Amino acid sequence: MITFSIATYEVMAFAGKSQPVRVYLTDDSNRYRGYIDFIEDYSGAQNFIVYPNGIINAFMPLDKLHPMLDLLRNEKPVYFSVNEQYNWAALKTGSEPTGEEETS
C-alpha cells in the first residue's frame, strides 16, 4: 500500500464538456506525487494507475469533487492512499476524536 500526507494541492478545470477536473497532489517534502481526475461519466472500471516513476493517477466521480475539496481545505492531516492488492484509492483524514469541534 502507498500512503502519503498531502501538504499542498492545485485544482485545474479543463475547458470542454467531458474534460475532468484534476487535483494535483504534493507531499510533505514538496514532492509532486500525482493527481486525481474527477470525471463526470466515471464508470469505476479503473480506480488508479501507479506509473513506474511512482506518480499516481487516480479517478473519482465528479460528484465527489466538492466533498474532497472541503476535506483538503479544512482538515489536517489529509492522506492519499492506494491499495494495489484490493484495487482502491482514497483521500482520508488522520484519526480525530469524536465530538471534536472545529477551532477558530
Protein backbone atom coordinates (compact mmCIF):
# COMPACT_ATOMS: atom_id res chain seq x y z
CA MET A 1 0.00 0.00 0.00
CA ILE A 2 1.18 3.52 -0.84
CA THR A 3 0.24 6.31 1.60
CA PHE A 4 1.49 9.87 1.87
CA SER A 5 0.46 13.05 3.63
CA ILE A 6 -0.76 15.82 1.34
CA ALA A 7 0.94 19.15 2.00
CA THR A 8 -0.37 21.17 -0.97
CA TYR A 9 -2.80 20.75 -3.81
CA GLU A 10 -3.78 22.54 -7.01
CA VAL A 11 -7.06 22.36 -8.91
CA MET A 12 -7.28 22.57 -12.68
CA ALA A 13 -10.59 22.60 -14.56
CA PHE A 14 -10.08 21.89 -18.25
CA ALA A 15 -12.18 23.52 -20.96
CA GLY A 16 -14.53 21.19 -22.77
CA LYS A 17 -17.69 19.34 -21.87
CA SER A 18 -16.24 15.95 -20.96
CA GLN A 19 -12.88 17.02 -19.59
CA PRO A 20 -12.00 16.05 -15.99
CA VAL A 21 -11.36 18.37 -13.09
CA ARG A 22 -7.83 17.49 -11.95
CA VAL A 23 -6.43 17.90 -8.43
CA TYR A 24 -2.61 17.75 -8.25
CA LEU A 25 -1.07 16.49 -5.00
CA THR A 26 2.27 17.31 -3.36
CA ASP A 27 3.61 15.59 -0.23
CA ASP A 28 5.26 16.99 2.91
CA SER A 29 8.71 17.02 1.29
CA ASN A 30 7.31 19.21 -1.53
CA ARG A 31 7.49 16.28 -3.97
CA TYR A 32 4.84 16.02 -6.68
CA ARG A 33 3.08 12.67 -6.12
CA GLY A 34 0.27 12.61 -8.67
CA TYR A 35 -3.27 13.69 -9.33
CA ILE A 36 -6.92 12.74 -9.05
CA ASP A 37 -9.14 13.11 -12.11
CA PHE A 38 -12.77 13.81 -11.18
CA ILE A 39 -14.79 12.53 -14.13
CA GLU A 40 -18.46 13.20 -14.93
CA ASP A 41 -19.16 9.82 -16.56
CA TYR A 42 -16.92 7.75 -14.28
CA SER A 43 -17.67 4.05 -14.68
CA GLY A 44 -15.46 2.81 -11.85
CA ALA A 45 -13.70 0.44 -14.24
CA GLN A 46 -10.30 1.86 -13.34
CA ASN A 47 -9.54 3.33 -9.92
CA PHE A 48 -5.91 4.35 -10.34
CA ILE A 49 -2.63 3.95 -12.23
CA VAL A 50 0.75 3.82 -10.49
CA TYR A 51 3.43 4.73 -13.02
CA PRO A 52 6.97 3.27 -12.84
CA ASN A 53 8.28 6.63 -11.55
CA GLY A 54 5.85 6.44 -8.60
CA ILE A 55 3.41 9.08 -9.86
CA ILE A 56 -0.20 8.12 -9.15
CA ASN A 57 -3.21 8.97 -11.33
CA ALA A 58 -6.46 8.20 -9.52
CA PHE A 59 -10.02 8.51 -10.81
CA MET A 60 -13.15 9.54 -8.91
CA PRO A 61 -16.70 10.56 -9.88
CA LEU A 62 -17.19 14.29 -10.38
CA ASP A 63 -19.86 14.41 -7.67
CA LYS A 64 -17.13 13.68 -5.08
CA LEU A 65 -15.12 16.79 -6.05
CA HIS A 66 -16.72 19.23 -3.60
CA PRO A 67 -16.52 16.92 -0.55
CA MET A 68 -12.87 16.18 -1.40
CA LEU A 69 -12.03 19.89 -1.77
CA ASP A 70 -13.76 20.55 1.55
CA LEU A 71 -11.60 17.85 3.14
CA LEU A 72 -8.41 19.34 1.65
CA ARG A 73 -9.33 22.87 2.75
CA ASN A 74 -10.49 22.15 6.27
CA GLU A 75 -8.78 19.07 7.66
CA LYS A 76 -5.24 18.27 8.68
CA PRO A 77 -3.61 15.88 8.25
CA VAL A 78 -5.02 14.56 4.98
CA TYR A 79 -3.57 11.45 3.36
CA PHE A 80 -3.80 9.83 -0.04
CA SER A 81 -3.65 6.05 -0.13
CA VAL A 82 -3.58 3.44 -2.88
CA ASN A 83 -4.02 -0.24 -2.16
CA GLU A 84 -2.94 -2.20 -5.22
CA GLN A 85 -3.86 -5.57 -3.71
CA TYR A 86 -7.52 -4.62 -3.16
CA ASN A 87 -7.74 -2.10 -6.05
CA TRP A 88 -8.77 1.04 -4.20
CA ALA A 89 -7.59 4.61 -3.81
CA ALA A 90 -8.74 7.04 -1.12
CA LEU A 91 -8.34 10.55 0.22
CA LYS A 92 -8.66 10.37 4.01
CA THR A 93 -8.04 12.26 7.23
CA GLY A 94 -5.91 11.26 10.16
CA SER A 95 -7.53 10.00 13.35
CA GLU A 96 -9.69 12.57 15.09
CA PRO A 97 -11.56 12.28 18.39
CA THR A 98 -15.34 12.01 18.12
CA GLY A 99 -17.29 15.09 19.06
CA GLU A 100 -14.34 17.36 18.33
CA GLU A 101 -15.43 20.83 17.35
CA GLU A 102 -13.53 22.93 14.86
CA THR A 103 -11.49 25.68 16.50
CA SER A 104 -11.06 29.21 15.22
